[in-house]
Amino acid sequence: MGASYPHMFLILLLLRGANAALKSPAGPKWQTLSGGPPLVIARGGFSGVFPDSSQFAYQFALTASLPDVVLLCDLQFSSDHIGFCKTGLTLDNSTTVSERFPKMERTYKLLGEDVHGWFSLDFTAEQLVQNITLIQNIFSRPSTFDDSLGMYTLDDVVELHPPQIWLNVQYNSFFLEHKLSSEDYILELPKDSLSYISSP
């Protein structure tokens, strides 16, 4: 119980700093292409304190950041074509999947190389939501919220009504090889729910 006080102090300090930043006086014109301030991109939400791409990470990014923050979602697919926000192709470094499904490790080719691990496309959305929780993928970060938050879908992020969403489709060709189309999925999303879409 006592170990969580430093974390709560850190969260309160971050909220106070973000609130102070919102009240700063108008400064000179920004040297960006538009002349406006640079965008704040919250990749996976506020993932320094909370596990990447978790509900708390996205909600805290909306609370503690600037009013026009952009929430970035790295798109992954379940076998039943539900979109999840999760950084990296494999799930084992940032979830409890290897503990819950130890026999589901697979090997797939990606850009001619064998990639070993647990992949979202080997599970249904229900399996991912009901059985797998998130952990910090950078082990020097606090583990206070590890194994307490489930995977978050893109629909969940859209329902937060953030000012802007950036959808990054990092592994489009990989999912297409397995008959999971990013294009079809994006076209089924509510109109104007995405501000930016990127794919290498």
Protein backbone atom coordinates (compact mmCIF):
# COMPACT_ATOMS: atom_id res chain seq x y z
CA MET A 1 0.00 0.00 0.00
CA GLY A 2 2.76 2.43 1.00
CA ALA A 3 4.66 1.79 -2.24
CA SER A 4 1.90 3.39 -4.32
CA TYR A 5 2.18 6.82 -2.64
CA PRO A 6 5.21 7.90 -4.72
CA HIS A 7 3.30 6.94 -7.88
CA MET A 8 0.23 8.91 -6.83
CA PHE A 9 2.46 11.90 -5.99
CA LEU A 10 4.02 11.64 -9.46
CA ILE A 11 0.59 11.56 -11.11
CA LEU A 12 -0.60 14.60 -9.13
CA LEU A 13 2.61 16.46 -9.98
CA LEU A 14 2.15 15.69 -13.68
CA LEU A 15 -1.47 16.88 -13.60
CA ARG A 16 -0.44 20.12 -11.89
CA GLY A 17 2.29 20.74 -14.46
CA ALA A 18 -0.08 20.08 -17.36
CA ASN A 19 -2.64 22.45 -15.85
CA ALA A 20 0.00 25.17 -15.48
CA ALA A 21 1.06 24.68 -19.11
CA LEU A 22 -2.52 25.26 -20.26
CA LYS A 23 -2.63 28.66 -18.52
CA SER A 24 0.60 30.04 -20.02
CA PRO A 25 0.29 33.36 -21.90
CA ALA A 26 0.28 33.45 -25.69
CA GLY A 27 3.80 33.55 -27.07
CA PRO A 28 5.28 34.37 -30.45
CA LYS A 29 4.15 32.66 -33.64
CA TRP A 30 5.43 29.10 -33.95
CA GLN A 31 7.92 28.29 -36.69
CA THR A 32 5.90 25.39 -38.07
CA LEU A 33 4.52 25.06 -41.59
CA SER A 34 1.08 26.19 -40.43
CA GLY A 35 2.34 28.80 -37.97
CA GLY A 36 0.46 27.01 -35.19
CA PRO A 37 1.96 25.17 -32.24
CA PRO A 38 3.43 21.71 -32.85
CA LEU A 39 1.11 18.80 -32.19
CA VAL A 40 1.49 16.66 -29.09
CA ILE A 41 1.34 13.02 -30.21
CA ALA A 42 0.48 10.57 -27.42
CA ARG A 43 1.74 7.27 -28.84
CA GLY A 44 -0.10 4.59 -26.91
CA GLY A 45 -1.48 7.26 -24.60
CA PHE A 46 0.46 8.39 -21.53
CA SER A 47 2.57 5.24 -21.50
CA GLY A 48 5.35 6.31 -19.14
CA VAL A 49 3.22 5.59 -16.08
CA PHE A 50 0.61 3.20 -17.47
CA PRO A 51 1.12 0.24 -19.82
CA ASP A 52 1.28 1.28 -23.49
CA SER A 53 -2.08 1.51 -25.29
CA SER A 54 -4.13 0.87 -22.15
CA GLN A 55 -7.38 2.53 -21.15
CA PHE A 56 -5.70 4.53 -18.37
CA ALA A 57 -2.84 5.59 -20.67
CA TYR A 58 -5.24 7.05 -23.24
CA GLN A 59 -7.54 8.64 -20.64
CA PHE A 60 -4.63 10.18 -18.74
CA ALA A 61 -3.17 11.58 -21.98
CA LEU A 62 -6.47 13.37 -22.59
CA THR A 63 -6.54 14.71 -19.03
CA ALA A 64 -2.90 15.69 -18.57
CA SER A 65 -1.93 16.93 -22.02
CA LEU A 66 -2.82 19.89 -24.20
CA PRO A 67 -6.43 20.30 -25.39
CA ASP A 68 -5.62 19.29 -28.99
CA VAL A 69 -3.54 16.19 -28.17
CA VAL A 70 -3.42 13.50 -30.87
CA LEU A 71 -3.88 9.91 -29.63
CA LEU A 72 -1.79 7.52 -31.72
CA CYS A 73 -2.97 3.93 -32.15
CA ASP A 74 -0.71 1.25 -33.68
CA LEU A 75 -3.26 -1.06 -35.32
CA GLN A 76 -3.26 -4.83 -34.74
CA PHE A 77 -5.99 -7.29 -35.69
CA SER A 78 -7.58 -10.25 -33.96
CA SER A 79 -8.49 -13.31 -36.05
CA ASP A 80 -12.10 -12.03 -36.28
CA HIS A 81 -10.94 -8.67 -37.73
CA ILE A 82 -11.33 -6.48 -34.65
CA GLY A 83 -8.79 -3.67 -34.44
CA PHE A 84 -6.66 -3.29 -31.31
CA CYS A 85 -4.18 -0.57 -30.37
CA LYS A 86 -0.88 -2.26 -29.57
CA THR A 87 2.69 -1.25 -30.36
CA GLY A 88 4.91 -3.90 -31.95
CA LEU A 89 3.91 -6.97 -33.91
CA THR A 90 4.20 -9.55 -31.13
CA LEU A 91 2.26 -9.41 -27.88
CA ASP A 92 4.65 -11.22 -25.53
CA ASN A 93 6.79 -8.21 -24.51
CA SER A 94 3.85 -6.07 -23.41
CA THR A 95 1.09 -8.47 -22.30
CA THR A 96 0.55 -11.59 -20.21
CA VAL A 97 -0.23 -13.67 -23.30
CA SER A 98 2.72 -16.05 -22.86
CA GLU A 99 1.53 -16.92 -19.34
CA ARG A 100 -2.13 -17.38 -20.29
CA PHE A 101 -1.55 -19.19 -23.61
CA PRO A 102 1.91 -20.82 -23.38
CA LYS A 103 1.25 -23.19 -26.31
CA MET A 104 0.19 -20.46 -28.75
CA GLU A 105 3.68 -19.25 -29.68
CA ARG A 106 4.03 -19.09 -33.47
CA THR A 107 6.58 -18.20 -36.13
CA TYR A 108 5.70 -16.00 -39.10
CA LYS A 109 7.74 -14.49 -41.91
CA LEU A 110 8.05 -10.72 -41.89
CA LEU A 111 10.17 -9.11 -44.60
CA GLY A 112 11.89 -12.44 -45.22
CA GLU A 113 12.81 -12.96 -41.55
CA ASP A 114 11.33 -15.42 -39.08
CA VAL A 115 9.57 -13.66 -36.20
CA HIS A 116 8.78 -15.78 -33.12
CA GLY A 117 6.20 -14.89 -30.51
CA TRP A 118 2.53 -14.49 -29.80
CA PHE A 119 0.51 -12.63 -32.44
CA SER A 120 -2.89 -10.95 -32.16
CA LEU A 121 -4.17 -12.64 -35.33
CA ASP A 122 -3.97 -16.05 -33.62
CA PHE A 123 -6.65 -15.03 -31.11
CA THR A 124 -10.25 -13.89 -31.29
CA ALA A 125 -11.14 -10.49 -29.89
CA GLU A 126 -12.94 -12.19 -27.01
CA GLN A 127 -9.81 -14.19 -26.11
CA LEU A 128 -7.69 -11.04 -26.15
CA VAL A 129 -10.12 -8.95 -24.08
CA GLN A 130 -11.17 -11.64 -21.58
CA ASN A 131 -7.82 -13.34 -20.91
CA ILE A 132 -4.89 -11.02 -21.61
CA THR A 133 -3.75 -8.03 -19.58
CA LEU A 134 -1.10 -5.42 -20.31
CA ILE A 135 2.31 -4.92 -18.72
CA GLN A 136 5.00 -2.27 -19.17
CA ASN A 137 7.14 -3.08 -22.20
CA ILE A 138 10.02 -0.96 -20.89
CA PHE A 139 10.96 -2.68 -17.67
CA SER A 140 12.55 0.40 -16.04
CA ARG A 141 9.07 1.98 -15.88
CA PRO A 142 6.83 1.48 -12.83
CA SER A 143 4.96 -1.83 -12.78
CA THR A 144 2.17 -0.59 -10.50
CA PHE A 145 -0.53 -1.06 -13.16
CA ASP A 146 0.88 -4.24 -14.73
CA ASP A 147 -1.59 -7.12 -15.13
CA SER A 148 -4.58 -4.93 -14.22
CA LEU A 149 -5.65 -3.40 -17.57
CA GLY A 150 -6.96 -5.26 -20.59
CA MET A 151 -6.22 -4.73 -24.26
CA TYR A 152 -7.93 -1.70 -25.80
CA THR A 153 -9.68 -1.69 -29.17
CA LEU A 154 -9.63 1.18 -31.64
CA ASP A 155 -13.40 1.47 -31.10
CA ASP A 156 -12.69 2.04 -27.39
CA VAL A 157 -10.29 4.87 -28.26
CA VAL A 158 -12.86 6.42 -30.62
CA GLU A 159 -15.47 6.31 -27.83
CA LEU A 160 -13.20 8.52 -25.67
CA HIS A 161 -13.95 11.32 -28.19
CA PRO A 162 -10.39 12.66 -28.33
CA PRO A 163 -9.73 15.81 -30.36
CA GLN A 164 -7.74 13.79 -32.91
CA ILE A 165 -6.75 10.16 -33.56
CA TRP A 166 -3.75 9.07 -35.59
CA LEU A 167 -4.00 5.48 -36.83
CA ASN A 168 -0.66 3.90 -37.70
CA VAL A 169 -0.92 0.69 -39.73
CA GLN A 170 2.67 -0.50 -39.28
CA TYR A 171 2.14 -4.10 -40.44
CA ASN A 172 -0.46 -3.73 -43.19
CA SER A 173 1.18 -6.25 -45.57
CA PHE A 174 1.53 -8.83 -42.78
CA PHE A 175 -2.16 -8.66 -41.92
CA LEU A 176 -3.16 -8.64 -45.61
CA GLU A 177 -1.26 -11.92 -46.09
CA HIS A 178 -3.60 -13.36 -43.48
CA LYS A 179 -6.73 -11.90 -45.10
CA LEU A 180 -7.19 -9.09 -42.57
CA SER A 181 -7.66 -5.87 -44.52
CA SER A 182 -6.82 -2.56 -42.86
CA GLU A 183 -8.62 -0.69 -45.62
CA ASP A 184 -11.89 -2.57 -45.13
CA TYR A 185 -11.67 -2.08 -41.37
CA ILE A 186 -10.99 1.66 -41.64
CA LEU A 187 -13.88 2.17 -44.06
CA GLU A 188 -16.25 0.60 -41.51
CA LEU A 189 -15.26 3.07 -38.76
CA PRO A 190 -17.55 6.00 -37.95
CA LYS A 191 -17.07 8.85 -40.41
CA ASP A 192 -14.50 11.45 -39.36
CA SER A 193 -13.28 9.37 -36.40
CA LEU A 194 -9.66 9.46 -37.65
CA SER A 195 -7.60 12.60 -38.25
CA TYR A 196 -4.46 10.91 -39.60
CA ILE A 197 -3.64 7.53 -41.12
CA SER A 198 -0.09 6.34 -41.76
CA SER A 199 1.52 3.17 -43.06
CA PRO A 200 5.12 2.58 -44.14
